[in-house]
């Protein structure tokens, strides 16, 4: 699957909203994911869900270098596009 950064961001926002019960319009894409109340278990679940949705396997934890939804979405879009070439 090739998804744009905007599509990935929207998907992650929706998933974070579901996991935290924060309305999607209140999820701050520029804030670290941990600020939304996600604990380590929820972050692993989110990463697993993203992998399944994109069909992309993380080599390392991308949240170390891309802790916000915005940064993570841009990183994932570039990675998925590179792998599908």
C-alpha atoms as a PDB file:
ATOM      1  CA  UNK A   1       0.000   0.000   0.000  1.00  0.00           C
ATOM      2  CA  UNK A   2       1.271   3.453  -0.869  1.00  0.00           C
ATOM      3  CA  UNK A   3      -0.237   6.114   1.344  1.00  0.00           C
ATOM      4  CA  UNK A   4       0.455   9.799   1.547  1.00  0.00           C
ATOM      5  CA  UNK A   5       1.607  11.492   4.725  1.00  0.00           C
ATOM      6  CA  UNK A   6      -1.837  13.118   5.001  1.00  0.00           C
ATOM      7  CA  UNK A   7      -3.613   9.754   4.728  1.00  0.00           C
ATOM      8  CA  UNK A   8      -1.302   8.186   7.286  1.00  0.00           C
ATOM      9  CA  UNK A   9      -1.736  11.149   9.613  1.00  0.00           C
ATOM     10  CA  UNK A  10      -5.522  10.974   9.371  1.00  0.00           C
ATOM     11  CA  UNK A  11      -5.441   7.233  10.079  1.00  0.00           C
ATOM     12  CA  UNK A  12      -3.164   7.657  13.107  1.00  0.00           C
ATOM     13  CA  UNK A  13      -5.298  10.516  14.454  1.00  0.00           C
ATOM     14  CA  UNK A  14      -8.377   8.312  14.169  1.00  0.00           C
ATOM     15  CA  UNK A  15      -6.615   5.423  15.915  1.00  0.00           C
ATOM     16  CA  UNK A  16      -5.271   7.652  18.708  1.00  0.00           C
ATOM     17  CA  UNK A  17      -8.767   9.064  19.141  1.00  0.00           C
ATOM     18  CA  UNK A  18     -10.153   5.551  19.475  1.00  0.00           C
ATOM     19  CA  UNK A  19      -7.457   4.447  21.938  1.00  0.00           C
ATOM     20  CA  UNK A  20      -7.711   7.543  24.139  1.00  0.00           C
ATOM     21  CA  UNK A  21     -11.346   8.576  23.638  1.00  0.00           C
ATOM     22  CA  UNK A  22     -10.100  12.075  22.765  1.00  0.00           C
ATOM     23  CA  UNK A  23     -12.168  13.535  19.910  1.00  0.00           C
ATOM     24  CA  UNK A  24     -10.148  13.367  16.688  1.00  0.00           C
ATOM     25  CA  UNK A  25     -10.336  17.125  16.209  1.00  0.00           C
ATOM     26  CA  UNK A  26      -8.606  17.574  19.591  1.00  0.00           C
ATOM     27  CA  UNK A  27      -5.663  15.272  18.819  1.00  0.00           C
ATOM     28  CA  UNK A  28      -2.610  17.511  18.369  1.00  0.00           C
ATOM     29  CA  UNK A  29      -0.498  16.110  15.530  1.00  0.00           C
ATOM     30  CA  UNK A  30       2.491  18.233  16.617  1.00  0.00           C
ATOM     31  CA  UNK A  31       2.517  17.033  20.229  1.00  0.00           C
ATOM     32  CA  UNK A  32       4.401  13.900  21.295  1.00  0.00           C
ATOM     33  CA  UNK A  33       2.126  10.870  21.213  1.00  0.00           C
ATOM     34  CA  UNK A  34       2.716  10.304  24.912  1.00  0.00           C
ATOM     35  CA  UNK A  35       0.995  13.644  25.664  1.00  0.00           C
ATOM     36  CA  UNK A  36      -2.260  12.077  24.498  1.00  0.00           C
ATOM     37  CA  UNK A  37      -2.152   9.635  27.393  1.00  0.00           C
ATOM     38  CA  UNK A  38      -0.824   6.644  25.472  1.00  0.00           C
ATOM     39  CA  UNK A  39       1.201   4.307  27.657  1.00  0.00           C
ATOM     40  CA  UNK A  40       3.810   1.860  26.360  1.00  0.00           C
ATOM     41  CA  UNK A  41       1.222  -0.876  25.776  1.00  0.00           C
ATOM     42  CA  UNK A  42      -0.982   1.475  23.737  1.00  0.00           C
ATOM     43  CA  UNK A  43       2.037   2.685  21.734  1.00  0.00           C
ATOM     44  CA  UNK A  44       2.962  -0.898  20.852  1.00  0.00           C
ATOM     45  CA  UNK A  45      -0.645  -1.583  19.839  1.00  0.00           C
ATOM     46  CA  UNK A  46      -0.645   1.550  17.693  1.00  0.00           C
ATOM     47  CA  UNK A  47       2.638   0.566  16.015  1.00  0.00           C
ATOM     48  CA  UNK A  48       1.306  -2.934  15.327  1.00  0.00           C
ATOM     49  CA  UNK A  49      -1.889  -1.535  13.849  1.00  0.00           C
ATOM     50  CA  UNK A  50       0.071   0.874  11.614  1.00  0.00           C
ATOM     51  CA  UNK A  51       2.278  -1.982  10.397  1.00  0.00           C
ATOM     52  CA  UNK A  52      -0.742  -4.089   9.506  1.00  0.00           C
ATOM     53  CA  UNK A  53      -2.560  -1.215   7.809  1.00  0.00           C
ATOM     54  CA  UNK A  54       0.436  -0.141   5.720  1.00  0.00           C
ATOM     55  CA  UNK A  55       1.897  -3.597   5.178  1.00  0.00           C
ATOM     56  CA  UNK A  56       5.186  -2.166   6.416  1.00  0.00           C
ATOM     57  CA  UNK A  57       7.403  -3.687   9.108  1.00  0.00           C
ATOM     58  CA  UNK A  58       9.327  -1.369  11.437  1.00  0.00           C
ATOM     59  CA  UNK A  59      13.028  -2.152  11.697  1.00  0.00           C
ATOM     60  CA  UNK A  60      13.418  -0.003  14.802  1.00  0.00           C
ATOM     61  CA  UNK A  61      11.064   1.999  16.981  1.00  0.00           C
ATOM     62  CA  UNK A  62      10.253   5.033  14.802  1.00  0.00           C
ATOM     63  CA  UNK A  63       8.841   6.940  17.770  1.00  0.00           C
ATOM     64  CA  UNK A  64      12.338   7.510  19.133  1.00  0.00           C
ATOM     65  CA  UNK A  65      13.143   9.853  16.242  1.00  0.00           C
ATOM     66  CA  UNK A  66       9.580  10.736  15.165  1.00  0.00           C
ATOM     67  CA  UNK A  67       7.595  11.232  18.396  1.00  0.00           C
ATOM     68  CA  UNK A  68       4.713  13.243  16.926  1.00  0.00           C
ATOM     69  CA  UNK A  69       1.921  12.104  14.623  1.00  0.00           C
ATOM     70  CA  UNK A  70       3.001  14.660  12.033  1.00  0.00           C
ATOM     71  CA  UNK A  71       6.659  13.542  12.020  1.00  0.00           C
ATOM     72  CA  UNK A  72       5.757   9.848  12.138  1.00  0.00           C
ATOM     73  CA  UNK A  73       3.333  10.217   9.218  1.00  0.00           C
ATOM     74  CA  UNK A  74       5.926  11.941   7.056  1.00  0.00           C
ATOM     75  CA  UNK A  75       8.552   9.341   7.920  1.00  0.00           C
ATOM     76  CA  UNK A  76       6.215   6.427   7.194  1.00  0.00           C
ATOM     77  CA  UNK A  77       5.038   7.883   3.882  1.00  0.00           C
ATOM     78  CA  UNK A  78       8.650   8.235   2.738  1.00  0.00           C
ATOM     79  CA  UNK A  79       9.573   4.730   3.938  1.00  0.00           C
ATOM     80  CA  UNK A  80       6.580   3.037   2.320  1.00  0.00           C
ATOM     81  CA  UNK A  81       7.139   4.916  -0.949  1.00  0.00           C
ATOM     82  CA  UNK A  82      10.810   3.900  -0.946  1.00  0.00           C
ATOM     83  CA  UNK A  83       9.975   0.243  -0.359  1.00  0.00           C
ATOM     84  CA  UNK A  84       7.403   0.110  -3.153  1.00  0.00           C
ATOM     85  CA  UNK A  85       9.846   1.389  -5.782  1.00  0.00           C
END
